[in-house]
Amino acid sequence: MPNQWVNTTLEGRFWSRVNKTEGCWLWTGAVKGKGYGAIYANGRNTGAHRVSYELARGPIPAGLQIDHLCRVPLCVNPDHLFAGSHIANMK
């Protein structure tokens, strides 16, 4: 019998690994290079901040990436994330 407390949806798995504070919402799951959170979604490992953005706002516009206004790589607070160009992200 499956454990009824296990989150099997992407959204359930995602939010079970987030520590919400008054500012940044910190990812507590796996971490990949450069300190960014990672989660298995859509058949591959992807950035937790990208999943947060998509859960809150929908698909990431083509050609854009997700950047942190707060500059905290583990933050997944959708209010701290925005879609921008690679050039804007590098500034």
N, C-alpha and C. Protein backbone atom coordinates (compact mmCIF):
# COMPACT_ATOMS: atom_id res chain seq x y z
N MET A 1 0.84 -1.18 0.00
CA MET A 1 0.00 0.00 0.00
C MET A 1 0.89 1.25 0.00
N PRO A 2 0.68 2.19 -0.92
CA PRO A 2 1.52 3.40 -0.95
C PRO A 2 1.31 4.27 0.28
N ASN A 3 2.37 4.95 0.65
CA ASN A 3 2.31 5.88 1.77
C ASN A 3 1.50 7.09 1.36
N GLN A 4 0.39 7.35 2.04
CA GLN A 4 -0.48 8.47 1.68
C GLN A 4 0.15 9.83 1.95
N TRP A 5 1.26 9.85 2.67
CA TRP A 5 1.91 11.12 3.01
C TRP A 5 3.00 11.50 2.01
N VAL A 6 3.31 10.63 1.08
CA VAL A 6 4.35 10.91 0.10
C VAL A 6 3.76 11.78 -1.01
N ASN A 7 4.45 12.88 -1.31
CA ASN A 7 4.01 13.75 -2.39
C ASN A 7 4.49 13.18 -3.71
N THR A 8 3.55 12.92 -4.61
CA THR A 8 3.92 12.32 -5.89
C THR A 8 3.81 13.31 -7.04
N THR A 9 3.11 14.41 -6.87
CA THR A 9 3.04 15.40 -7.94
C THR A 9 4.28 16.28 -7.88
N LEU A 10 4.63 16.86 -9.00
CA LEU A 10 5.77 17.77 -9.02
C LEU A 10 5.56 18.89 -8.01
N GLU A 11 4.38 19.48 -8.01
CA GLU A 11 4.10 20.58 -7.09
C GLU A 11 4.25 20.12 -5.64
N GLY A 12 3.73 18.96 -5.31
CA GLY A 12 3.86 18.44 -3.94
C GLY A 12 5.30 18.16 -3.56
N ARG A 13 6.04 17.51 -4.47
CA ARG A 13 7.46 17.23 -4.21
C ARG A 13 8.24 18.53 -4.05
N PHE A 14 7.93 19.50 -4.92
CA PHE A 14 8.64 20.77 -4.89
C PHE A 14 8.43 21.49 -3.56
N TRP A 15 7.17 21.76 -3.21
CA TRP A 15 6.90 22.58 -2.02
C TRP A 15 7.28 21.88 -0.71
N SER A 16 7.38 20.54 -0.72
CA SER A 16 7.81 19.85 0.49
C SER A 16 9.30 20.08 0.78
N ARG A 17 10.02 20.67 -0.18
CA ARG A 17 11.45 20.93 -0.04
C ARG A 17 11.77 22.43 0.07
N VAL A 18 10.79 23.20 0.47
CA VAL A 18 10.97 24.66 0.55
C VAL A 18 10.75 25.12 1.99
N ASN A 19 11.69 25.91 2.50
CA ASN A 19 11.57 26.52 3.82
C ASN A 19 11.21 27.99 3.60
N LYS A 20 9.93 28.32 3.82
CA LYS A 20 9.47 29.69 3.59
C LYS A 20 9.79 30.57 4.79
N THR A 21 10.43 31.69 4.52
CA THR A 21 10.69 32.70 5.55
C THR A 21 10.01 33.98 5.09
N GLU A 22 10.19 35.06 5.82
CA GLU A 22 9.57 36.32 5.42
C GLU A 22 10.21 36.91 4.17
N GLY A 23 11.41 36.52 3.86
CA GLY A 23 12.11 37.02 2.68
C GLY A 23 12.26 35.91 1.66
N CYS A 24 13.46 35.37 1.60
CA CYS A 24 13.73 34.28 0.66
C CYS A 24 13.05 32.99 1.13
N TRP A 25 12.61 32.21 0.16
CA TRP A 25 12.11 30.86 0.43
C TRP A 25 13.22 29.94 -0.01
N LEU A 26 13.86 29.27 0.95
CA LEU A 26 15.06 28.52 0.66
C LEU A 26 14.78 27.06 0.31
N TRP A 27 15.41 26.62 -0.77
CA TRP A 27 15.32 25.25 -1.24
C TRP A 27 16.12 24.37 -0.30
N THR A 28 15.52 23.26 0.16
CA THR A 28 16.20 22.35 1.08
C THR A 28 16.50 20.99 0.43
N GLY A 29 16.19 20.84 -0.85
CA GLY A 29 16.44 19.60 -1.57
C GLY A 29 17.85 19.56 -2.14
N ALA A 30 18.00 18.80 -3.20
CA ALA A 30 19.31 18.63 -3.84
C ALA A 30 19.84 19.97 -4.35
N VAL A 31 21.17 20.06 -4.36
CA VAL A 31 21.84 21.28 -4.84
C VAL A 31 22.81 20.87 -5.93
N LYS A 32 22.81 21.65 -7.01
CA LYS A 32 23.75 21.38 -8.11
C LYS A 32 24.84 22.45 -8.13
N GLY A 33 25.68 22.41 -9.12
CA GLY A 33 26.80 23.33 -9.23
C GLY A 33 26.40 24.78 -9.03
N LYS A 34 27.30 25.55 -8.47
CA LYS A 34 27.13 26.97 -8.18
C LYS A 34 26.06 27.26 -7.14
N GLY A 35 25.60 26.22 -6.42
CA GLY A 35 24.70 26.42 -5.28
C GLY A 35 23.23 26.55 -5.61
N TYR A 36 22.82 26.20 -6.81
CA TYR A 36 21.41 26.29 -7.19
C TYR A 36 20.68 25.00 -6.83
N GLY A 37 19.43 25.11 -6.38
CA GLY A 37 18.62 23.95 -6.08
C GLY A 37 18.29 23.19 -7.35
N ALA A 38 18.08 21.88 -7.20
CA ALA A 38 17.76 21.03 -8.34
C ALA A 38 16.65 20.06 -7.98
N ILE A 39 15.79 19.78 -8.96
CA ILE A 39 14.71 18.81 -8.78
C ILE A 39 14.48 18.11 -10.11
N TYR A 40 14.11 16.83 -10.04
CA TYR A 40 13.81 16.08 -11.25
C TYR A 40 12.41 16.44 -11.71
N ALA A 41 12.31 17.01 -12.91
CA ALA A 41 11.03 17.43 -13.46
C ALA A 41 11.07 17.32 -14.97
N ASN A 42 9.98 16.91 -15.55
CA ASN A 42 9.87 16.81 -17.01
C ASN A 42 10.98 15.96 -17.61
N GLY A 43 11.33 14.87 -16.93
CA GLY A 43 12.30 13.92 -17.47
C GLY A 43 13.75 14.29 -17.30
N ARG A 44 14.05 15.33 -16.52
CA ARG A 44 15.45 15.71 -16.33
C ARG A 44 15.62 16.52 -15.05
N ASN A 45 16.85 16.64 -14.59
CA ASN A 45 17.12 17.52 -13.45
C ASN A 45 17.06 18.96 -13.95
N THR A 46 16.39 19.79 -13.20
CA THR A 46 16.24 21.18 -13.59
C THR A 46 16.38 22.07 -12.36
N GLY A 47 16.61 23.34 -12.58
CA GLY A 47 16.77 24.27 -11.47
C GLY A 47 15.48 24.45 -10.69
N ALA A 48 15.58 24.39 -9.37
CA ALA A 48 14.41 24.56 -8.53
C ALA A 48 13.79 25.94 -8.73
N HIS A 49 14.61 26.96 -8.98
CA HIS A 49 14.08 28.30 -9.20
C HIS A 49 13.26 28.36 -10.49
N ARG A 50 13.65 27.58 -11.49
CA ARG A 50 12.89 27.52 -12.74
C ARG A 50 11.52 26.88 -12.51
N VAL A 51 11.50 25.81 -11.72
CA VAL A 51 10.23 25.14 -11.41
C VAL A 51 9.33 26.07 -10.62
N SER A 52 9.89 26.78 -9.66
CA SER A 52 9.10 27.73 -8.88
C SER A 52 8.46 28.78 -9.77
N TYR A 53 9.25 29.33 -10.68
CA TYR A 53 8.73 30.34 -11.60
C TYR A 53 7.57 29.76 -12.42
N GLU A 54 7.76 28.56 -12.96
CA GLU A 54 6.73 27.97 -13.80
C GLU A 54 5.48 27.61 -13.01
N LEU A 55 5.62 27.15 -11.78
CA LEU A 55 4.45 26.85 -10.96
C LEU A 55 3.65 28.12 -10.66
N ALA A 56 4.36 29.22 -10.47
CA ALA A 56 3.68 30.47 -10.11
C ALA A 56 3.19 31.27 -11.32
N ARG A 57 3.95 31.22 -12.42
CA ARG A 57 3.66 32.14 -13.53
C ARG A 57 3.43 31.47 -14.89
N GLY A 58 3.70 30.18 -14.98
CA GLY A 58 3.55 29.49 -16.25
C GLY A 58 4.88 29.31 -16.94
N PRO A 59 4.85 28.88 -18.20
CA PRO A 59 6.09 28.57 -18.92
C PRO A 59 7.05 29.76 -19.01
N ILE A 60 8.32 29.45 -19.00
CA ILE A 60 9.35 30.47 -19.16
C ILE A 60 9.36 30.89 -20.63
N PRO A 61 9.28 32.18 -20.91
CA PRO A 61 9.28 32.63 -22.31
C PRO A 61 10.53 32.17 -23.05
N ALA A 62 10.34 31.79 -24.30
CA ALA A 62 11.45 31.31 -25.13
C ALA A 62 12.59 32.33 -25.15
N GLY A 63 13.81 31.83 -25.02
CA GLY A 63 15.00 32.67 -25.09
C GLY A 63 15.35 33.38 -23.80
N LEU A 64 14.54 33.20 -22.76
CA LEU A 64 14.82 33.87 -21.48
C LEU A 64 15.23 32.86 -20.43
N GLN A 65 15.89 33.34 -19.41
CA GLN A 65 16.25 32.50 -18.28
C GLN A 65 15.72 33.14 -17.01
N ILE A 66 15.75 32.40 -15.92
CA ILE A 66 15.21 32.89 -14.66
C ILE A 66 16.34 33.40 -13.79
N ASP A 67 16.19 34.62 -13.32
CA ASP A 67 17.20 35.28 -12.50
C ASP A 67 16.60 35.60 -11.13
N HIS A 68 17.48 35.75 -10.15
CA HIS A 68 17.10 36.08 -8.78
C HIS A 68 17.30 37.56 -8.52
N LEU A 69 16.25 38.27 -8.14
CA LEU A 69 16.40 39.66 -7.70
C LEU A 69 17.21 39.73 -6.41
N CYS A 70 17.08 38.72 -5.56
CA CYS A 70 17.73 38.70 -4.25
C CYS A 70 19.18 38.20 -4.32
N ARG A 71 19.58 37.63 -5.44
CA ARG A 71 20.92 37.09 -5.64
C ARG A 71 21.26 35.93 -4.72
N VAL A 72 20.23 35.19 -4.26
CA VAL A 72 20.42 34.02 -3.41
C VAL A 72 20.09 32.78 -4.24
N PRO A 73 21.10 31.99 -4.65
CA PRO A 73 20.86 30.86 -5.56
C PRO A 73 19.84 29.84 -5.05
N LEU A 74 19.72 29.65 -3.74
CA LEU A 74 18.78 28.68 -3.20
C LEU A 74 17.37 29.23 -3.02
N CYS A 75 17.17 30.51 -3.31
CA CYS A 75 15.85 31.11 -3.14
C CYS A 75 14.92 30.66 -4.27
N VAL A 76 13.70 30.25 -3.88
CA VAL A 76 12.68 29.86 -4.86
C VAL A 76 11.39 30.67 -4.67
N ASN A 77 11.49 31.80 -3.96
CA ASN A 77 10.34 32.67 -3.78
C ASN A 77 9.99 33.29 -5.15
N PRO A 78 8.80 32.99 -5.69
CA PRO A 78 8.45 33.53 -7.01
C PRO A 78 8.52 35.05 -7.10
N ASP A 79 8.32 35.73 -5.98
CA ASP A 79 8.41 37.19 -5.97
C ASP A 79 9.84 37.68 -6.13
N HIS A 80 10.81 36.80 -5.96
CA HIS A 80 12.22 37.15 -6.10
C HIS A 80 12.78 36.74 -7.46
N LEU A 81 11.94 36.16 -8.32
CA LEU A 81 12.39 35.63 -9.60
C LEU A 81 11.81 36.40 -10.76
N PHE A 82 12.59 36.54 -11.83
CA PHE A 82 12.07 37.17 -13.04
C PHE A 82 12.71 36.53 -14.26
N ALA A 83 12.00 36.60 -15.37
CA ALA A 83 12.51 36.08 -16.63
C ALA A 83 13.25 37.21 -17.33
N GLY A 84 14.48 36.94 -17.71
CA GLY A 84 15.28 37.95 -18.38
C GLY A 84 16.26 37.33 -19.35
N SER A 85 16.91 38.17 -20.11
CA SER A 85 17.89 37.69 -21.08
C SER A 85 19.18 37.26 -20.38
N HIS A 86 19.99 36.52 -21.07
CA HIS A 86 21.29 36.10 -20.54
C HIS A 86 22.14 37.33 -20.24
N ILE A 87 22.11 38.32 -21.10
CA ILE A 87 22.89 39.55 -20.90
C ILE A 87 22.45 40.26 -19.64
N ALA A 88 21.13 40.38 -19.43
CA ALA A 88 20.62 41.03 -18.22
C ALA A 88 21.04 40.24 -16.97
N ASN A 89 21.03 38.93 -17.06
CA ASN A 89 21.40 38.07 -15.93
C ASN A 89 22.89 38.24 -15.58
N MET A 90 23.72 38.46 -16.57
CA MET A 90 25.15 38.59 -16.33
C MET A 90 25.52 39.94 -15.71
N LYS A 91 24.65 40.93 -15.81
CA LYS A 91 24.95 42.26 -15.24
C LYS A 91 24.81 42.24 -13.78
